[in-house]
PDB file of N, CA and C in Angstrom:
ATOM      1  N   MET A   1     124.254  90.877  95.427  1.00  0.00           N
ATOM      2  CA  MET A   1     125.656  90.693  95.132  1.00  0.00           C
ATOM      3  C   MET A   1     126.373  90.059  96.329  1.00  0.00           C
ATOM      4  N   ALA A   2     126.057  90.543  97.546  1.00  0.00           N
ATOM      5  CA  ALA A   2     126.680  89.964  98.734  1.00  0.00           C
ATOM      6  C   ALA A   2     126.262  88.499  98.885  1.00  0.00           C
ATOM      7  N   TYR A   3     125.001  88.233  98.628  1.00  0.00           N
ATOM      8  CA  TYR A   3     124.484  86.868  98.726  1.00  0.00           C
ATOM      9  C   TYR A   3     125.222  85.932  97.771  1.00  0.00           C
ATOM     10  N   ASN A   4     125.622  86.473  96.632  1.00  0.00           N
ATOM     11  CA  ASN A   4     126.314  85.671  95.626  1.00  0.00           C
ATOM     12  C   ASN A   4     127.831  85.692  95.781  1.00  0.00           C
ATOM     13  N   GLY A   5     128.304  86.173  96.934  1.00  0.00           N
ATOM     14  CA  GLY A   5     129.726  86.081  97.245  1.00  0.00           C
ATOM     15  C   GLY A   5     130.608  87.184  96.697  1.00  0.00           C
ATOM     16  N   LYS A   6     130.022  88.262  96.214  1.00  0.00           N
ATOM     17  CA  LYS A   6     130.836  89.368  95.712  1.00  0.00           C
ATOM     18  C   LYS A   6     131.524  90.065  96.892  1.00  0.00           C
ATOM     19  N   THR A   7     132.693  90.618  96.637  1.00  0.00           N
ATOM     20  CA  THR A   7     133.440  91.314  97.681  1.00  0.00           C
ATOM     21  C   THR A   7     132.893  92.730  97.872  1.00  0.00           C
ATOM     22  N   LYS A   8     133.313  93.358  98.971  1.00  0.00           N
ATOM     23  CA  LYS A   8     132.905  94.738  99.212  1.00  0.00           C
ATOM     24  C   LYS A   8     133.386  95.645  98.083  1.00  0.00           C
ATOM     25  N   GLU A   9     134.569  95.379  97.574  1.00  0.00           N
ATOM     26  CA  GLU A   9     135.099  96.196  96.480  1.00  0.00           C
ATOM     27  C   GLU A   9     134.250  96.054  95.223  1.00  0.00           C
ATOM     28  N   GLU A  10     133.793  94.840  94.928  1.00  0.00           N
ATOM     29  CA  GLU A  10     132.937  94.620  93.762  1.00  0.00           C
ATOM     30  C   GLU A  10     131.579  95.303  93.942  1.00  0.00           C
ATOM     31  N   ILE A  11     131.042  95.228  95.150  1.00  0.00           N
ATOM     32  CA  ILE A  11     129.764  95.880  95.432  1.00  0.00           C
ATOM     33  C   ILE A  11     129.921  97.384  95.318  1.00  0.00           C
ATOM     34  N   ARG A  12     130.991  97.943  95.906  1.00  0.00           N
ATOM     35  CA  ARG A  12     131.244  99.384  95.833  1.00  0.00           C
ATOM     36  C   ARG A  12     131.366  99.839  94.372  1.00  0.00           C
ATOM     37  N   ALA A  13     132.121  99.103  93.584  1.00  0.00           N
ATOM     38  CA  ALA A  13     132.308  99.464  92.174  1.00  0.00           C
ATOM     39  C   ALA A  13     130.975  99.458  91.436  1.00  0.00           C
ATOM     40  N   PHE A  14     130.147  98.455  91.669  1.00  0.00           N
ATOM     41  CA  PHE A  14     128.843  98.377  91.015  1.00  0.00           C
ATOM     42  C   PHE A  14     127.959  99.552  91.410  1.00  0.00           C
ATOM     43  N   VAL A  15     127.902  99.849  92.702  1.00  0.00           N
ATOM     44  CA  VAL A  15     127.058 100.956  93.184  1.00  0.00           C
ATOM     45  C   VAL A  15     127.526 102.275  92.595  1.00  0.00           C
ATOM     46  N   GLU A  16     128.834 102.514  92.616  1.00  0.00           N
ATOM     47  CA  GLU A  16     129.355 103.770  92.087  1.00  0.00           C
ATOM     48  C   GLU A  16     129.141 103.887  90.583  1.00  0.00           C
ATOM     49  N   GLU A  17     129.278 102.791  89.871  1.00  0.00           N
ATOM     50  CA  GLU A  17     129.078 102.808  88.420  1.00  0.00           C
ATOM     51  C   GLU A  17     127.626 103.084  88.056  1.00  0.00           C
ATOM     52  N   ASN A  18     126.702 102.534  88.841  1.00  0.00           N
ATOM     53  CA  ASN A  18     125.291 102.634  88.496  1.00  0.00           C
ATOM     54  C   ASN A  18     124.520 103.728  89.232  1.00  0.00           C
ATOM     55  N   PHE A  19     125.039 104.169  90.357  1.00  0.00           N
ATOM     56  CA  PHE A  19     124.286 105.129  91.167  1.00  0.00           C
ATOM     57  C   PHE A  19     125.106 106.336  91.593  1.00  0.00           C
ATOM     58  N   GLY A  20     126.286 106.505  91.080  1.00  0.00           N
ATOM     59  CA  GLY A  20     127.118 107.640  91.467  1.00  0.00           C
ATOM     60  C   GLY A  20     127.981 107.324  92.667  1.00  0.00           C
ATOM     61  N   HIS A  21     128.546 108.353  93.212  1.00  0.00           N
ATOM     62  CA  HIS A  21     129.521 108.187  94.291  1.00  0.00           C
ATOM     63  C   HIS A  21     128.896 108.369  95.660  1.00  0.00           C
ATOM     64  N   MET A  22     127.785 107.700  95.903  1.00  0.00           N
ATOM     65  CA  MET A  22     127.078 107.826  97.177  1.00  0.00           C
ATOM     66  C   MET A  22     127.810 107.155  98.327  1.00  0.00           C
ATOM     67  N   LEU A  23     128.849 106.389  98.040  1.00  0.00           N
ATOM     68  CA  LEU A  23     129.555 105.673  99.101  1.00  0.00           C
ATOM     69  C   LEU A  23     130.889 106.317  99.442  1.00  0.00           C
ATOM     70  N   ASN A  24     131.105 107.525  98.977  1.00  0.00           N
ATOM     71  CA  ASN A  24     132.379 108.196  99.228  1.00  0.00           C
ATOM     72  C   ASN A  24     132.388 108.961 100.537  1.00  0.00           C
ATOM     73  N   ILE A  25     131.680 108.461 101.524  1.00  0.00           N
ATOM     74  CA  ILE A  25     131.701 109.057 102.847  1.00  0.00           C
ATOM     75  C   ILE A  25     131.974 107.956 103.866  1.00  0.00           C
ATOM     76  N   THR A  26     132.390 108.372 105.036  1.00  0.00           N
ATOM     77  CA  THR A  26     132.655 107.423 106.111  1.00  0.00           C
ATOM     78  C   THR A  26     131.450 107.371 107.043  1.00  0.00           C
ATOM     79  N   VAL A  27     131.475 106.432 107.961  1.00  0.00           N
ATOM     80  CA  VAL A  27     130.423 106.348 108.974  1.00  0.00           C
ATOM     81  C   VAL A  27     130.395 107.645 109.780  1.00  0.00           C
ATOM     82  N   GLU A  28     131.566 108.163 110.117  1.00  0.00           N
ATOM     83  CA  GLU A  28     131.638 109.420 110.878  1.00  0.00           C
ATOM     84  C   GLU A  28     130.996 110.566 110.109  1.00  0.00           C
ATOM     85  N   GLU A  29     131.263 110.658 108.811  1.00  0.00           N
ATOM     86  CA  GLU A  29     130.670 111.724 107.990  1.00  0.00           C
ATOM     87  C   GLU A  29     129.164 111.523 107.849  1.00  0.00           C
ATOM     88  N   ALA A  30     128.734 110.278 107.676  1.00  0.00           N
ATOM     89  CA  ALA A  30     127.303 109.991 107.555  1.00  0.00           C
ATOM     90  C   ALA A  30     126.567 110.363 108.833  1.00  0.00           C
ATOM     91  N   ARG A  31     127.215 110.185 109.976  1.00  0.00           N
ATOM     92  CA  ARG A  31     126.612 110.534 111.264  1.00  0.00           C
ATOM     93  C   ARG A  31     126.317 112.025 111.359  1.00  0.00           C
ATOM     94  N   LEU A  32     127.122 112.851 110.699  1.00  0.00           N
ATOM     95  CA  LEU A  32     126.975 114.302 110.781  1.00  0.00           C
ATOM     96  C   LEU A  32     125.919 114.871 109.838  1.00  0.00           C
ATOM     97  N   ILE A  33     125.438 114.067 108.894  1.00  0.00           N
ATOM     98  CA  ILE A  33     124.423 114.528 107.941  1.00  0.00           C
ATOM     99  C   ILE A  33     123.083 114.626 108.659  1.00  0.00           C
ATOM    100  N   PRO A  34     122.398 115.769 108.546  1.00  0.00           N
ATOM    101  CA  PRO A  34     121.081 115.895 109.197  1.00  0.00           C
ATOM    102  C   PRO A  34     120.124 114.812 108.701  1.00  0.00           C
ATOM    103  N   LYS A  35     119.388 114.230 109.618  1.00  0.00           N
ATOM    104  CA  LYS A  35     118.457 113.137 109.298  1.00  0.00           C
ATOM    105  C   LYS A  35     117.031 113.686 109.312  1.00  0.00           C
ATOM    106  N   THR A  36     116.599 114.229 108.194  1.00  0.00           N
ATOM    107  CA  THR A  36     115.273 114.846 108.128  1.00  0.00           C
ATOM    108  C   THR A  36     114.280 114.032 107.307  1.00  0.00           C
ATOM    109  N   THR A  37     114.715 112.898 106.784  1.00  0.00           N
ATOM    110  CA  THR A  37     113.836 112.104 105.929  1.00  0.00           C
ATOM    111  C   THR A  37     114.140 110.620 106.093  1.00  0.00           C
ATOM    112  N   ILE A  38     113.169 109.817 105.742  1.00  0.00           N
ATOM    113  CA  ILE A  38     113.382 108.367 105.729  1.00  0.00           C
ATOM    114  C   ILE A  38     113.307 107.825 104.303  1.00  0.00           C
ATOM    115  N   ARG A  39     113.504 108.710 103.349  1.00  0.00           N
ATOM    116  CA  ARG A  39     113.446 108.308 101.932  1.00  0.00           C
ATOM    117  C   ARG A  39     114.583 107.337 101.599  1.00  0.00           C
ATOM    118  N   CYS A  40     114.315 106.456 100.679  1.00  0.00           N
ATOM    119  CA  CYS A  40     115.258 105.413 100.284  1.00  0.00           C
ATOM    120  C   CYS A  40     116.580 105.988  99.771  1.00  0.00           C
ATOM    121  N   ASN A  41     116.526 107.109  99.038  1.00  0.00           N
ATOM    122  CA  ASN A  41     117.754 107.670  98.485  1.00  0.00           C
ATOM    123  C   ASN A  41     118.675 108.212  99.578  1.00  0.00           C
ATOM    124  N   VAL A  42     118.169 108.333 100.808  1.00  0.00           N
ATOM    125  CA  VAL A  42     118.985 108.740 101.946  1.00  0.00           C
ATOM    126  C   VAL A  42     119.360 107.533 102.794  1.00  0.00           C
ATOM    127  N   THR A  43     118.402 106.695 103.113  1.00  0.00           N
ATOM    128  CA  THR A  43     118.668 105.578 104.021  1.00  0.00           C
ATOM    129  C   THR A  43     119.513 104.481 103.379  1.00  0.00           C
ATOM    130  N   ALA A  44     119.286 104.160 102.126  1.00  0.00           N
ATOM    131  CA  ALA A  44     120.045 103.076 101.490  1.00  0.00           C
ATOM    132  C   ALA A  44     121.543 103.386 101.443  1.00  0.00           C
ATOM    133  N   PRO A  45     121.957 104.587 101.031  1.00  0.00           N
ATOM    134  CA  PRO A  45     123.395 104.873 101.064  1.00  0.00           C
ATOM    135  C   PRO A  45     123.987 104.800 102.476  1.00  0.00           C
ATOM    136  N   GLN A  46     123.235 105.261 103.468  1.00  0.00           N
ATOM    137  CA  GLN A  46     123.723 105.178 104.844  1.00  0.00           C
ATOM    138  C   GLN A  46     123.914 103.728 105.263  1.00  0.00           C
ATOM    139  N   ALA A  47     122.986 102.878 104.905  1.00  0.00           N
ATOM    140  CA  ALA A  47     123.098 101.460 105.225  1.00  0.00           C
ATOM    141  C   ALA A  47     124.287 100.826 104.506  1.00  0.00           C
ATOM    142  N   LEU A  48     124.495 101.203 103.261  1.00  0.00           N
ATOM    143  CA  LEU A  48     125.627 100.664 102.506  1.00  0.00           C
ATOM    144  C   LEU A  48     126.956 101.124 103.092  1.00  0.00           C
ATOM    145  N   VAL A  49     127.027 102.382 103.516  1.00  0.00           N
ATOM    146  CA  VAL A  49     128.245 102.883 104.166  1.00  0.00           C
ATOM    147  C   VAL A  49     128.493 102.098 105.449  1.00  0.00           C
ATOM    148  N   ALA A  50     127.442 101.863 106.227  1.00  0.00           N
ATOM    149  CA  ALA A  50     127.578 101.089 107.463  1.00  0.00           C
ATOM    150  C   ALA A  50     128.129  99.700 107.158  1.00  0.00           C
ATOM    151  N   PHE A  51     127.635  99.070 106.112  1.00  0.00           N
ATOM    152  CA  PHE A  51     128.127  97.752 105.714  1.00  0.00           C
ATOM    153  C   PHE A  51     129.574  97.817 105.228  1.00  0.00           C
ATOM    154  N   MET A  52     129.884  98.805 104.390  1.00  0.00           N
ATOM    155  CA  MET A  52     131.227  98.890 103.799  1.00  0.00           C
ATOM    156  C   MET A  52     132.312  99.041 104.859  1.00  0.00           C
ATOM    157  N   GLU A  53     132.004  99.728 105.953  1.00  0.00           N
ATOM    158  CA  GLU A  53     133.003  99.926 107.006  1.00  0.00           C
ATOM    159  C   GLU A  53     132.948  98.850 108.089  1.00  0.00           C
ATOM    160  N   SER A  54     132.095  97.869 107.919  1.00  0.00           N
ATOM    161  CA  SER A  54     131.965  96.822 108.940  1.00  0.00           C
ATOM    162  C   SER A  54     133.023  95.745 108.759  1.00  0.00           C
ATOM    163  N   THR A  55     133.230  95.014 109.836  1.00  0.00           N
ATOM    164  CA  THR A  55     134.129  93.862 109.777  1.00  0.00           C
ATOM    165  C   THR A  55     133.373  92.550 109.915  1.00  0.00           C
ATOM    166  N   ASP A  56     132.114  92.650 110.371  1.00  0.00           N
ATOM    167  CA  ASP A  56     131.276  91.469 110.529  1.00  0.00           C
ATOM    168  C   ASP A  56     129.823  91.926 110.667  1.00  0.00           C
ATOM    169  N   TYR A  57     128.935  90.978 110.886  1.00  0.00           N
ATOM    170  CA  TYR A  57     127.504  91.260 111.005  1.00  0.00           C
ATOM    171  C   TYR A  57     127.220  92.273 112.108  1.00  0.00           C
ATOM    172  N   GLU A  58     127.780  92.025 113.292  1.00  0.00           N
ATOM    173  CA  GLU A  58     127.506  92.900 114.432  1.00  0.00           C
ATOM    174  C   GLU A  58     128.009  94.320 114.198  1.00  0.00           C
ATOM    175  N   SER A  59     129.190  94.463 113.626  1.00  0.00           N
ATOM    176  CA  SER A  59     129.710  95.817 113.414  1.00  0.00           C
ATOM    177  C   SER A  59     128.910  96.554 112.344  1.00  0.00           C
ATOM    178  N   ALA A  60     128.324  95.840 111.394  1.00  0.00           N
ATOM    179  CA  ALA A  60     127.456  96.486 110.407  1.00  0.00           C
ATOM    180  C   ALA A  60     126.227  97.082 111.093  1.00  0.00           C
ATOM    181  N   ILE A  61     125.639  96.329 112.005  1.00  0.00           N
ATOM    182  CA  ILE A  61     124.473  96.819 112.754  1.00  0.00           C
ATOM    183  C   ILE A  61     124.879  97.998 113.637  1.00  0.00           C
ATOM    184  N   ARG A  62     125.998  97.870 114.329  1.00  0.00           N
ATOM    185  CA  ARG A  62     126.460  98.953 115.205  1.00  0.00           C
ATOM    186  C   ARG A  62     126.720 100.232 114.404  1.00  0.00           C
ATOM    187  N   ASN A  63     127.355 100.089 113.245  1.00  0.00           N
ATOM    188  CA  ASN A  63     127.610 101.253 112.399  1.00  0.00           C
ATOM    189  C   ASN A  63     126.305 101.926 111.993  1.00  0.00           C
ATOM    190  N   ALA A  64     125.324 101.132 111.605  1.00  0.00           N
ATOM    191  CA  ALA A  64     124.039 101.684 111.166  1.00  0.00           C
ATOM    192  C   ALA A  64     123.342 102.434 112.294  1.00  0.00           C
ATOM    193  N   VAL A  65     123.369 101.879 113.482  1.00  0.00           N
ATOM    194  CA  VAL A  65     122.744 102.544 114.626  1.00  0.00           C
ATOM    195  C   VAL A  65     123.518 103.812 114.967  1.00  0.00           C
ATOM    196  N   TYR A  66     124.835 103.766 114.895  1.00  0.00           N
ATOM    197  CA  TYR A  66     125.681 104.909 115.207  1.00  0.00           C
ATOM    198  C   TYR A  66     125.411 106.078 114.253  1.00  0.00           C
ATOM    199  N   ILE A  67     125.155 105.784 112.982  1.00  0.00           N
ATOM    200  CA  ILE A  67     124.882 106.840 112.004  1.00  0.00           C
ATOM    201  C   ILE A  67     123.649 107.633 112.392  1.00  0.00           C
ATOM    202  N   GLY A  68     122.661 106.959 112.953  1.00  0.00           N
ATOM    203  CA  GLY A  68     121.437 107.651 113.366  1.00  0.00           C
ATOM    204  C   GLY A  68     120.417 107.679 112.246  1.00  0.00           C
ATOM    205  N   GLY A  69     119.402 108.495 112.423  1.00  0.00           N
ATOM    206  CA  GLY A  69     118.342 108.579 111.429  1.00  0.00           C
ATOM    207  C   GLY A  69     117.379 107.417 111.571  1.00  0.00           C
ATOM    208  N   ASP A  70     117.020 106.835 110.454  1.00  0.00           N
ATOM    209  CA  ASP A  70     116.079 105.715 110.420  1.00  0.00           C
ATOM    210  C   ASP A  70     116.842 104.434 110.772  1.00  0.00           C
ATOM    211  N   THR A  71     117.236 104.308 112.034  1.00  0.00           N
ATOM    212  CA  THR A  71     118.161 103.258 112.441  1.00  0.00           C
ATOM    213  C   THR A  71     117.634 101.844 112.246  1.00  0.00           C
ATOM    214  N   ASP A  72     116.329 101.634 112.447  1.00  0.00           N
ATOM    215  CA  ASP A  72     115.830 100.268 112.278  1.00  0.00           C
ATOM    216  C   ASP A  72     115.933  99.825 110.826  1.00  0.00           C
ATOM    217  N   THR A  73     115.621 100.724 109.907  1.00  0.00           N
ATOM    218  CA  THR A  73     115.728 100.395 108.479  1.00  0.00           C
ATOM    219  C   THR A  73     117.184 100.232 108.080  1.00  0.00           C
ATOM    220  N   ASN A  74     118.033 101.184 108.479  1.00  0.00           N
ATOM    221  CA  ASN A  74     119.453 101.116 108.123  1.00  0.00           C
ATOM    222  C   ASN A  74     120.102  99.853 108.675  1.00  0.00           C
ATOM    223  N   ALA A  75     119.796  99.519 109.928  1.00  0.00           N
ATOM    224  CA  ALA A  75     120.372  98.323 110.538  1.00  0.00           C
ATOM    225  C   ALA A  75     119.870  97.054 109.857  1.00  0.00           C
ATOM    226  N   ALA A  76     118.602  97.039 109.476  1.00  0.00           N
ATOM    227  CA  ALA A  76     118.058  95.867 108.780  1.00  0.00           C
ATOM    228  C   ALA A  76     118.741  95.659 107.433  1.00  0.00           C
ATOM    229  N   ILE A  77     118.958  96.754 106.707  1.00  0.00           N
ATOM    230  CA  ILE A  77     119.609  96.656 105.391  1.00  0.00           C
ATOM    231  C   ILE A  77     121.078  96.266 105.557  1.00  0.00           C
ATOM    232  N   ALA A  78     121.797  97.003 106.408  1.00  0.00           N
ATOM    233  CA  ALA A  78     123.227  96.733 106.599  1.00  0.00           C
ATOM    234  C   ALA A  78     123.442  95.314 107.126  1.00  0.00           C
ATOM    235  N   GLY A  79     122.622  94.898 108.084  1.00  0.00           N
ATOM    236  CA  GLY A  79     122.759  93.555 108.638  1.00  0.00           C
ATOM    237  C   GLY A  79     122.472  92.471 107.619  1.00  0.00           C
ATOM    238  N   ALA A  80     121.447  92.702 106.802  1.00  0.00           N
ATOM    239  CA  ALA A  80     121.110  91.709 105.771  1.00  0.00           C
ATOM    240  C   ALA A  80     122.239  91.557 104.760  1.00  0.00           C
ATOM    241  N   ILE A  81     122.841  92.655 104.372  1.00  0.00           N
ATOM    242  CA  ILE A  81     123.954  92.581 103.422  1.00  0.00           C
ATOM    243  C   ILE A  81     125.155  91.903 104.069  1.00  0.00           C
ATOM    244  N   ALA A  82     125.448  92.272 105.318  1.00  0.00           N
ATOM    245  CA  ALA A  82     126.608  91.703 106.014  1.00  0.00           C
ATOM    246  C   ALA A  82     126.463  90.210 106.251  1.00  0.00           C
ATOM    247  N   GLU A  83     125.234  89.763 106.502  1.00  0.00           N
ATOM    248  CA  GLU A  83     125.019  88.355 106.776  1.00  0.00           C
ATOM    249  C   GLU A  83     125.388  87.539 105.564  1.00  0.00           C
TER     250      GLU A  83
END
């Protein structure tokens, strides 16, 4: 969706409609969630939150690293979407 020029609001609406309200947290809240797994159902929402609160490519990566957990995966996903 990002590749095809959709806005963050359009992406958020699609994710919430199809996958529930996994994006209703902030980067600060995501940082506080215990990181005990690298499963996709945990890392993908964290990466999306990092992207949603970003202002550019670099801030998406910084947000993903700040959240913690599987940072290389989260940063790769968030950065790819932001790009």
